[in-house]
Structure formats: C-alpha cells, structure tokens
C-alpha cells in the first residue's frame, strides 16, 4: 500500500479554478491506478476521475467531464486534478485513492474544496 496526502483545496468563486495534488509515499506509485473521489455534506463519496498506471487512459464522472483533468507524474509520485469552471455543486471534500482497476485500497485524508456563488 501507499500513503497519500492531498493538498490544494480551498475557497474559490464559481467559475474559478483549483489544482489538487496528491503525493504518494513509497516507490510503488507507478504500479497503481489512481482515482479522485469527492464527498459533499450529507452525501456518499462518489467517483470523480481515474487515471491508469502509465497515464494512458483517463475516465471522468459525467458531472465533471470537460471541466476537470486528471494527470500524474510518476517521477514525482504525484497525481493531480485540475478543476476549471468550478460550480457551487463541486463543493466537497476531495480524496485521492490508489488501487487496481475499480478497487481502491489506499485513501488520503481529503482536502476541502468550497465554491462560493
């Protein structure tokens, strides 16, 4: 397993942008597919985006498609989530996760993103 630490959250106005980072410990980062999830108050954690081990394939939730971009730098053991055209409904705690396929076994502690109107 890997240890994951998210950063980059904060308060932004609607229409603005943020870039989240997730730094992984250990030398096995490139072995794992990486995902971003989010959880709004009173709601379940939901999938946001995913990137394969070598970065060759990405997938997104319909709600963020065209606005968010996931990327990774295996040399830096880091995965990113670039979030543009943010909406109030994007407000949530964002988590990164490591795993294989659709199974995630390591999670970060989360970073708060708040979008104001």
C-alpha atoms as a PDB file:
ATOM      1  CA  UNK A   1       0.000   0.000   0.000  1.00  0.00           C
ATOM      2  CA  UNK A   2       0.928   3.639  -0.291  1.00  0.00           C
ATOM      3  CA  UNK A   3       0.334   6.650   1.910  1.00  0.00           C
ATOM      4  CA  UNK A   4      -1.451   9.506   0.178  1.00  0.00           C
ATOM      5  CA  UNK A   5      -1.593  13.194   1.120  1.00  0.00           C
ATOM      6  CA  UNK A   6      -3.862  15.620  -0.727  1.00  0.00           C
ATOM      7  CA  UNK A   7      -3.319  19.359  -0.958  1.00  0.00           C
ATOM      8  CA  UNK A   8      -4.507  22.334  -2.948  1.00  0.00           C
ATOM      9  CA  UNK A   9      -8.051  22.677  -1.692  1.00  0.00           C
ATOM     10  CA  UNK A  10      -9.531  25.980  -0.663  1.00  0.00           C
ATOM     11  CA  UNK A  11     -12.222  28.568  -1.246  1.00  0.00           C
ATOM     12  CA  UNK A  12     -12.858  29.782  -4.778  1.00  0.00           C
ATOM     13  CA  UNK A  13     -15.624  31.670  -6.537  1.00  0.00           C
ATOM     14  CA  UNK A  14     -17.838  29.965  -9.050  1.00  0.00           C
ATOM     15  CA  UNK A  15     -16.156  29.922 -12.439  1.00  0.00           C
ATOM     16  CA  UNK A  16     -12.711  29.771 -10.893  1.00  0.00           C
ATOM     17  CA  UNK A  17     -10.065  27.072 -10.914  1.00  0.00           C
ATOM     18  CA  UNK A  18      -8.114  24.966  -8.459  1.00  0.00           C
ATOM     19  CA  UNK A  19      -5.488  22.286  -8.854  1.00  0.00           C
ATOM     20  CA  UNK A  20      -5.427  19.478  -6.335  1.00  0.00           C
ATOM     21  CA  UNK A  21      -2.324  17.412  -5.752  1.00  0.00           C
ATOM     22  CA  UNK A  22      -1.944  14.014  -4.151  1.00  0.00           C
ATOM     23  CA  UNK A  23       1.544  12.985  -3.099  1.00  0.00           C
ATOM     24  CA  UNK A  24       2.268   9.309  -2.555  1.00  0.00           C
ATOM     25  CA  UNK A  25       4.949   7.755  -0.422  1.00  0.00           C
ATOM     26  CA  UNK A  26       6.942   4.730  -1.421  1.00  0.00           C
ATOM     27  CA  UNK A  27       8.473   3.550  -4.652  1.00  0.00           C
ATOM     28  CA  UNK A  28       5.459   1.668  -5.980  1.00  0.00           C
ATOM     29  CA  UNK A  29       3.319   4.623  -7.055  1.00  0.00           C
ATOM     30  CA  UNK A  30       3.603   3.714 -10.722  1.00  0.00           C
ATOM     31  CA  UNK A  31       2.128   0.274 -10.012  1.00  0.00           C
ATOM     32  CA  UNK A  32      -1.272   1.750  -9.198  1.00  0.00           C
ATOM     33  CA  UNK A  33      -4.220   3.227 -10.963  1.00  0.00           C
ATOM     34  CA  UNK A  34      -5.183   6.454  -9.231  1.00  0.00           C
ATOM     35  CA  UNK A  35      -8.570   7.978  -8.627  1.00  0.00           C
ATOM     36  CA  UNK A  36     -10.170  11.107  -7.274  1.00  0.00           C
ATOM     37  CA  UNK A  37     -13.410  10.964  -5.347  1.00  0.00           C
ATOM     38  CA  UNK A  38     -15.477  13.557  -3.519  1.00  0.00           C
ATOM     39  CA  UNK A  39     -17.978  13.663  -0.703  1.00  0.00           C
ATOM     40  CA  UNK A  40     -20.395  16.512  -0.169  1.00  0.00           C
ATOM     41  CA  UNK A  41     -22.032  17.082   3.233  1.00  0.00           C
ATOM     42  CA  UNK A  42     -24.719  14.519   3.888  1.00  0.00           C
ATOM     43  CA  UNK A  43     -23.927  12.574   0.744  1.00  0.00           C
ATOM     44  CA  UNK A  44     -21.975   9.472  -0.152  1.00  0.00           C
ATOM     45  CA  UNK A  45     -18.480   9.520  -1.566  1.00  0.00           C
ATOM     46  CA  UNK A  46     -18.623   9.444  -5.363  1.00  0.00           C
ATOM     47  CA  UNK A  47     -16.200   8.888  -8.187  1.00  0.00           C
ATOM     48  CA  UNK A  48     -14.747  11.938  -9.937  1.00  0.00           C
ATOM     49  CA  UNK A  49     -11.868  10.805 -12.151  1.00  0.00           C
ATOM     50  CA  UNK A  50      -9.438   7.980 -12.720  1.00  0.00           C
ATOM     51  CA  UNK A  51      -6.091   7.522 -14.459  1.00  0.00           C
ATOM     52  CA  UNK A  52      -4.295   4.308 -15.296  1.00  0.00           C
ATOM     53  CA  UNK A  53      -0.819   3.399 -14.082  1.00  0.00           C
ATOM     54  CA  UNK A  54       1.076   4.802 -17.036  1.00  0.00           C
ATOM     55  CA  UNK A  55      -1.362   7.644 -17.564  1.00  0.00           C
ATOM     56  CA  UNK A  56      -2.547   6.311 -20.883  1.00  0.00           C
ATOM     57  CA  UNK A  57      -6.239   6.234 -20.074  1.00  0.00           C
ATOM     58  CA  UNK A  58      -8.478   8.523 -18.077  1.00  0.00           C
ATOM     59  CA  UNK A  59     -12.147   8.494 -17.210  1.00  0.00           C
ATOM     60  CA  UNK A  60     -14.461  11.036 -15.607  1.00  0.00           C
ATOM     61  CA  UNK A  61     -17.812  11.344 -13.970  1.00  0.00           C
ATOM     62  CA  UNK A  62     -20.322  12.972 -16.300  1.00  0.00           C
ATOM     63  CA  UNK A  63     -20.710  15.873 -13.866  1.00  0.00           C
ATOM     64  CA  UNK A  64     -17.077  16.968 -14.311  1.00  0.00           C
ATOM     65  CA  UNK A  65     -16.344  15.891 -17.871  1.00  0.00           C
ATOM     66  CA  UNK A  66     -14.887  18.759 -19.880  1.00  0.00           C
ATOM     67  CA  UNK A  67     -14.086  20.795 -16.763  1.00  0.00           C
ATOM     68  CA  UNK A  68     -11.732  18.580 -14.741  1.00  0.00           C
ATOM     69  CA  UNK A  69      -8.495  16.946 -15.885  1.00  0.00           C
ATOM     70  CA  UNK A  70      -6.636  14.203 -14.061  1.00  0.00           C
ATOM     71  CA  UNK A  71      -2.941  13.700 -14.665  1.00  0.00           C
ATOM     72  CA  UNK A  72       0.020  12.081 -12.972  1.00  0.00           C
ATOM     73  CA  UNK A  73       3.762  12.433 -12.746  1.00  0.00           C
ATOM     74  CA  UNK A  74       5.227   9.071 -11.798  1.00  0.00           C
ATOM     75  CA  UNK A  75       8.674  10.601 -11.325  1.00  0.00           C
ATOM     76  CA  UNK A  76       7.208  12.833  -8.600  1.00  0.00           C
ATOM     77  CA  UNK A  77       4.839  10.208  -7.176  1.00  0.00           C
ATOM     78  CA  UNK A  78       2.014  12.694  -7.600  1.00  0.00           C
ATOM     79  CA  UNK A  79      -1.428  12.729  -9.163  1.00  0.00           C
ATOM     80  CA  UNK A  80      -3.224  15.970  -9.967  1.00  0.00           C
ATOM     81  CA  UNK A  81      -6.769  17.121 -10.509  1.00  0.00           C
ATOM     82  CA  UNK A  82      -7.103  20.358 -12.449  1.00  0.00           C
ATOM     83  CA  UNK A  83     -10.548  21.781 -11.839  1.00  0.00           C
ATOM     84  CA  UNK A  84     -11.817  24.566 -14.087  1.00  0.00           C
ATOM     85  CA  UNK A  85     -15.169  26.329 -14.373  1.00  0.00           C
ATOM     86  CA  UNK A  86     -15.982  25.346 -10.832  1.00  0.00           C
ATOM     87  CA  UNK A  87     -19.597  25.286  -9.735  1.00  0.00           C
ATOM     88  CA  UNK A  88     -21.160  25.597  -6.308  1.00  0.00           C
ATOM     89  CA  UNK A  89     -22.168  21.947  -6.573  1.00  0.00           C
ATOM     90  CA  UNK A  90     -18.487  20.949  -6.791  1.00  0.00           C
ATOM     91  CA  UNK A  91     -18.157  21.842  -3.107  1.00  0.00           C
ATOM     92  CA  UNK A  92     -16.975  18.719  -1.278  1.00  0.00           C
ATOM     93  CA  UNK A  93     -14.079  17.016   0.414  1.00  0.00           C
ATOM     94  CA  UNK A  94     -11.889  15.558  -2.311  1.00  0.00           C
ATOM     95  CA  UNK A  95     -10.000  12.324  -1.770  1.00  0.00           C
ATOM     96  CA  UNK A  96      -7.380  10.581  -3.827  1.00  0.00           C
ATOM     97  CA  UNK A  97      -7.073   6.828  -3.857  1.00  0.00           C
ATOM     98  CA  UNK A  98      -4.712   4.164  -5.154  1.00  0.00           C
ATOM     99  CA  UNK A  99      -5.632   0.750  -6.421  1.00  0.00           C
ATOM    100  CA  UNK A 100      -6.046  -1.525  -9.402  1.00  0.00           C
ATOM    101  CA  UNK A 101      -8.949  -1.247 -11.754  1.00  0.00           C
ATOM    102  CA  UNK A 102     -12.028  -0.204  -9.812  1.00  0.00           C
ATOM    103  CA  UNK A 103     -10.718  -1.467  -6.488  1.00  0.00           C
ATOM    104  CA  UNK A 104      -9.024   1.119  -4.283  1.00  0.00           C
ATOM    105  CA  UNK A 105      -7.108   0.107  -1.175  1.00  0.00           C
ATOM    106  CA  UNK A 106      -5.340   3.288  -0.080  1.00  0.00           C
ATOM    107  CA  UNK A 107      -7.004   6.628   0.609  1.00  0.00           C
ATOM    108  CA  UNK A 108      -5.815  10.068   1.555  1.00  0.00           C
ATOM    109  CA  UNK A 109      -7.267  12.174   4.335  1.00  0.00           C
ATOM    110  CA  UNK A 110      -9.070  14.526   1.974  1.00  0.00           C
ATOM    111  CA  UNK A 111      -8.894  18.209   1.114  1.00  0.00           C
ATOM    112  CA  UNK A 112     -11.822  20.623   1.303  1.00  0.00           C
ATOM    113  CA  UNK A 113     -12.947  22.460  -1.809  1.00  0.00           C
ATOM    114  CA  UNK A 114     -15.551  25.179  -1.326  1.00  0.00           C
ATOM    115  CA  UNK A 115     -17.041  27.032  -4.275  1.00  0.00           C
ATOM    116  CA  UNK A 116     -18.957  30.200  -3.483  1.00  0.00           C
ATOM    117  CA  UNK A 117     -21.613  31.792  -5.650  1.00  0.00           C
END
